[in-house]
C-alpha atoms as a PDB file:
ATOM      1  CA  MET A   1      -0.012  -0.321   0.035  1.00  0.00           C
ATOM      2  CA  LYS A   2       1.616   3.535  -1.034  1.00  0.00           C
ATOM      3  CA  PRO A   3       2.600   5.508   1.923  1.00  0.00           C
ATOM      4  CA  LYS A   4       0.645   9.230   2.276  1.00  0.00           C
ATOM      5  CA  THR A   5       3.327  10.591   3.921  1.00  0.00           C
ATOM      6  CA  LEU A   6       7.445   9.858   3.907  1.00  0.00           C
ATOM      7  CA  SER A   7       9.380  11.664   6.406  1.00  0.00           C
ATOM      8  CA  ILE A   8      13.398  11.785   5.395  1.00  0.00           C
ATOM      9  CA  ASP A   9      16.322  12.500   7.095  1.00  0.00           C
ATOM     10  CA  VAL A  10      19.865  12.551   5.543  1.00  0.00           C
ATOM     11  CA  GLU A  11      23.439  12.844   7.368  1.00  0.00           C
ATOM     12  CA  THR A  12      25.963  13.972   4.987  1.00  0.00           C
ATOM     13  CA  PHE A  13      29.400  14.546   4.093  1.00  0.00           C
ATOM     14  CA  SER A  14      30.899  17.482   2.310  1.00  0.00           C
ATOM     15  CA  SER A  15      34.624  18.813   2.648  1.00  0.00           C
ATOM     16  CA  VAL A  16      33.010  22.330   1.690  1.00  0.00           C
ATOM     17  CA  ASP A  17      31.263  24.059   4.915  1.00  0.00           C
ATOM     18  CA  LEU A  18      27.499  24.416   4.962  1.00  0.00           C
ATOM     19  CA  ILE A  19      27.102  27.187   7.161  1.00  0.00           C
ATOM     20  CA  SER A  20      29.312  29.385   4.980  1.00  0.00           C
ATOM     21  CA  CYS A  21      28.584  28.577   1.716  1.00  0.00           C
ATOM     22  CA  GLY A  22      25.321  27.142   1.659  1.00  0.00           C
ATOM     23  CA  VAL A  23      23.743  23.816   0.842  1.00  0.00           C
ATOM     24  CA  TYR A  24      24.113  24.179  -3.074  1.00  0.00           C
ATOM     25  CA  LYS A  25      28.032  24.751  -2.821  1.00  0.00           C
ATOM     26  CA  TYR A  26      27.624  21.966  -0.346  1.00  0.00           C
ATOM     27  CA  VAL A  27      26.295  19.249  -2.771  1.00  0.00           C
ATOM     28  CA  GLU A  28      28.688  20.239  -5.721  1.00  0.00           C
ATOM     29  CA  SER A  29      31.769  19.288  -3.965  1.00  0.00           C
ATOM     30  CA  ASP A  30      33.211  16.312  -5.841  1.00  0.00           C
ATOM     31  CA  ASP A  31      33.386  14.838  -1.991  1.00  0.00           C
ATOM     32  CA  PHE A  32      29.862  15.330  -1.240  1.00  0.00           C
ATOM     33  CA  GLN A  33      27.904  11.973  -0.060  1.00  0.00           C
ATOM     34  CA  ILE A  34      24.756  11.060   2.179  1.00  0.00           C
ATOM     35  CA  LEU A  35      26.116   8.845   4.397  1.00  0.00           C
ATOM     36  CA  LEU A  36      22.690   7.568   5.648  1.00  0.00           C
ATOM     37  CA  PHE A  37      18.956   7.807   4.978  1.00  0.00           C
ATOM     38  CA  ALA A  38      16.411   7.607   7.332  1.00  0.00           C
ATOM     39  CA  TYR A  39      12.804   7.152   6.610  1.00  0.00           C
ATOM     40  CA  SER A  40       9.569   6.720   7.894  1.00  0.00           C
ATOM     41  CA  PHE A  41       6.468   5.916   6.106  1.00  0.00           C
ATOM     42  CA  ASP A  42       3.113   7.730   7.869  1.00  0.00           C
ATOM     43  CA  TYR A  43       4.907   8.212  11.174  1.00  0.00           C
ATOM     44  CA  GLY A  44       5.633   4.541  11.719  1.00  0.00           C
ATOM     45  CA  PRO A  45       8.812   2.951  12.863  1.00  0.00           C
ATOM     46  CA  VAL A  46      12.000   4.659  11.788  1.00  0.00           C
ATOM     47  CA  GLN A  47      14.458   2.553   9.079  1.00  0.00           C
ATOM     48  CA  ILE A  48      18.203   3.756   8.050  1.00  0.00           C
ATOM     49  CA  ILE A  49      19.799   2.604   5.059  1.00  0.00           C
ATOM     50  CA  LYS A  50      23.812   2.919   5.838  1.00  0.00           C
ATOM     51  CA  LEU A  51      24.789   4.526   2.256  1.00  0.00           C
ATOM     52  CA  ALA A  52      28.215   5.075   3.729  1.00  0.00           C
ATOM     53  CA  GLU A  53      28.707   1.222   4.481  1.00  0.00           C
ATOM     54  CA  GLY A  54      27.073   0.412   0.602  1.00  0.00           C
ATOM     55  CA  GLU A  55      23.398   0.199   0.726  1.00  0.00           C
ATOM     56  CA  GLU A  56      21.305   1.751  -1.260  1.00  0.00           C
ATOM     57  CA  ILE A  57      18.142   2.874  -1.558  1.00  0.00           C
ATOM     58  CA  PRO A  58      15.570   0.649  -2.418  1.00  0.00           C
ATOM     59  CA  GLU A  59      13.806   1.922  -5.546  1.00  0.00           C
ATOM     60  CA  ASP A  60      10.535   1.851  -4.441  1.00  0.00           C
ATOM     61  CA  ILE A  61      11.433   4.577  -1.579  1.00  0.00           C
ATOM     62  CA  VAL A  62      13.500   6.550  -4.969  1.00  0.00           C
ATOM     63  CA  GLY A  63       9.809   6.150  -6.390  1.00  0.00           C
ATOM     64  CA  TYR A  64       7.916   8.026  -3.034  1.00  0.00           C
ATOM     65  CA  ILE A  65      10.393  10.430  -3.339  1.00  0.00           C
ATOM     66  CA  TYR A  66       9.476  11.615  -6.407  1.00  0.00           C
ATOM     67  CA  ASP A  67       6.041  10.756  -6.328  1.00  0.00           C
ATOM     68  CA  LYS A  68       3.955  13.357  -6.217  1.00  0.00           C
ATOM     69  CA  ASP A  69       0.902  11.926  -4.398  1.00  0.00           C
ATOM     70  CA  VAL A  70       3.412  11.110  -1.641  1.00  0.00           C
ATOM     71  CA  GLU A  71       4.066  13.924   0.687  1.00  0.00           C
ATOM     72  CA  LYS A  72       7.619  14.247   1.851  1.00  0.00           C
ATOM     73  CA  THR A  73       8.514  15.591   5.282  1.00  0.00           C
ATOM     74  CA  ALA A  74      11.727  17.264   6.509  1.00  0.00           C
ATOM     75  CA  PHE A  75      13.334  19.234   9.176  1.00  0.00           C
ATOM     76  CA  ASN A  76      15.234  21.988   6.790  1.00  0.00           C
ATOM     77  CA  ALA A  77      13.062  19.957   3.652  1.00  0.00           C
ATOM     78  CA  ASN A  78      15.439  22.515   1.241  1.00  0.00           C
ATOM     79  CA  PHE A  79      18.619  20.526   2.660  1.00  0.00           C
ATOM     80  CA  GLU A  80      17.073  17.181   2.372  1.00  0.00           C
ATOM     81  CA  ARG A  81      15.713  17.687  -1.141  1.00  0.00           C
ATOM     82  CA  THR A  82      18.629  19.480  -2.598  1.00  0.00           C
ATOM     83  CA  CYS A  83      20.954  16.689  -1.215  1.00  0.00           C
ATOM     84  CA  LEU A  84      18.846  13.630  -2.740  1.00  0.00           C
ATOM     85  CA  GLY A  85      18.403  15.478  -5.863  1.00  0.00           C
ATOM     86  CA  LYS A  86      22.204  15.891  -5.997  1.00  0.00           C
ATOM     87  CA  ALA A  87      22.698  12.005  -5.129  1.00  0.00           C
ATOM     88  CA  LEU A  88      19.897  10.972  -7.117  1.00  0.00           C
ATOM     89  CA  GLY A  89      20.642  12.588 -10.494  1.00  0.00           C
ATOM     90  CA  ARG A  90      17.079  14.540 -10.614  1.00  0.00           C
ATOM     91  CA  TYR A  91      15.711  17.539  -9.037  1.00  0.00           C
ATOM     92  CA  CYS A  92      13.093  16.917  -6.066  1.00  0.00           C
ATOM     93  CA  GLU A  93      10.470  19.517  -6.597  1.00  0.00           C
ATOM     94  CA  PRO A  94       9.904  21.784  -3.621  1.00  0.00           C
ATOM     95  CA  GLU A  95       5.907  21.637  -3.837  1.00  0.00           C
ATOM     96  CA  GLN A  96       5.872  18.062  -2.712  1.00  0.00           C
ATOM     97  CA  TRP A  97       8.020  18.742   0.736  1.00  0.00           C
ATOM     98  CA  SER A  98       6.932  20.130   4.225  1.00  0.00           C
ATOM     99  CA  CYS A  99       9.424  21.450   6.032  1.00  0.00           C
ATOM    100  CA  THR A 100       9.021  20.636   9.774  1.00  0.00           C
ATOM    101  CA  MET A 101      11.593  23.517  10.606  1.00  0.00           C
ATOM    102  CA  VAL A 102       9.165  26.031   9.372  1.00  0.00           C
ATOM    103  CA  LEU A 103       6.401  24.652  10.965  1.00  0.00           C
ATOM    104  CA  ALA A 104       8.546  24.429  14.513  1.00  0.00           C
ATOM    105  CA  GLY A 105       9.455  28.337  14.012  1.00  0.00           C
ATOM    106  CA  SER A 106       5.516  28.860  13.091  1.00  0.00           C
ATOM    107  CA  CYS A 107       4.314  27.151  16.879  1.00  0.00           C
ATOM    108  CA  GLY A 108       7.017  29.589  18.484  1.00  0.00           C
ATOM    109  CA  LEU A 109       9.694  26.721  18.653  1.00  0.00           C
ATOM    110  CA  PRO A 110      13.292  27.278  18.101  1.00  0.00           C
ATOM    111  CA  MET A 111      14.546  26.648  14.135  1.00  0.00           C
ATOM    112  CA  SER A 112      17.627  23.935  14.762  1.00  0.00           C
ATOM    113  CA  LEU A 113      16.569  20.554  15.993  1.00  0.00           C
ATOM    114  CA  LYS A 114      18.629  20.374  18.844  1.00  0.00           C
ATOM    115  CA  GLY A 115      16.756  23.626  19.975  1.00  0.00           C
ATOM    116  CA  VAL A 116      13.377  22.127  18.993  1.00  0.00           C
ATOM    117  CA  GLY A 117      14.322  19.158  21.029  1.00  0.00           C
ATOM    118  CA  MET A 118      15.268  21.138  24.245  1.00  0.00           C
ATOM    119  CA  ALA A 119      12.311  23.548  24.504  1.00  0.00           C
ATOM    120  CA  LEU A 120      10.043  19.600  24.058  1.00  0.00           C
ATOM    121  CA  GLY A 121      12.233  18.151  26.957  1.00  0.00           C
ATOM    122  CA  LEU A 122      13.576  15.462  24.129  1.00  0.00           C
ATOM    123  CA  SER A 123      16.343  13.485  25.877  1.00  0.00           C
ATOM    124  CA  GLU A 124      19.793  13.766  23.370  1.00  0.00           C
ATOM    125  CA  ASP A 125      19.029  10.437  22.257  1.00  0.00           C
ATOM    126  CA  LYS A 126      15.750  11.091  20.918  1.00  0.00           C
ATOM    127  CA  ALA A 127      16.374  14.579  19.405  1.00  0.00           C
ATOM    128  CA  LYS A 128      19.348  13.511  16.968  1.00  0.00           C
ATOM    129  CA  MET A 129      20.198   9.833  16.142  1.00  0.00           C
ATOM    130  CA  LYS A 130      23.616   9.486  17.786  1.00  0.00           C
ATOM    131  CA  GLU A 131      24.717   7.165  14.552  1.00  0.00           C
ATOM    132  CA  GLY A 132      24.521  10.131  12.260  1.00  0.00           C
ATOM    133  CA  SER A 133      27.005  12.420  14.489  1.00  0.00           C
ATOM    134  CA  ASP A 134      29.044   9.580  15.041  1.00  0.00           C
ATOM    135  CA  LEU A 135      29.491   9.105  11.226  1.00  0.00           C
ATOM    136  CA  ILE A 136      29.828  12.429  10.602  1.00  0.00           C
ATOM    137  CA  ARG A 137      32.836  12.516  13.326  1.00  0.00           C
ATOM    138  CA  TYR A 138      34.374   9.296  11.827  1.00  0.00           C
ATOM    139  CA  SER A 139      33.992  10.934   7.797  1.00  0.00           C
END
């Protein structure tokens, strides 16, 4: 059964500094790569694909990423869709994405994942996956 919503989080690496250069220069770096791809269908259990270890995003998931009838959600959706567009070689239409960072800001919450986690009283392991942070430091 096709999901209504596909929630996505990616952990990435690039030698280009994201903060000073922005996401577009970041993904254009020769060494840009998606290390982890985490996803959830209709807010169910999270699945993790370890691209840095040779795993690949299954074709059905790629199909859902580009399916106009499946809403994609992400915290800072522009980052996720730009990274996925570069990695998959195909533009991700912004109209198909909802940004939970913007939603958080519209509710008076901080517009950082860490800040939202703190404001909601989440433990650090619930606010951001430790595996992603560890993998980024390792790279």
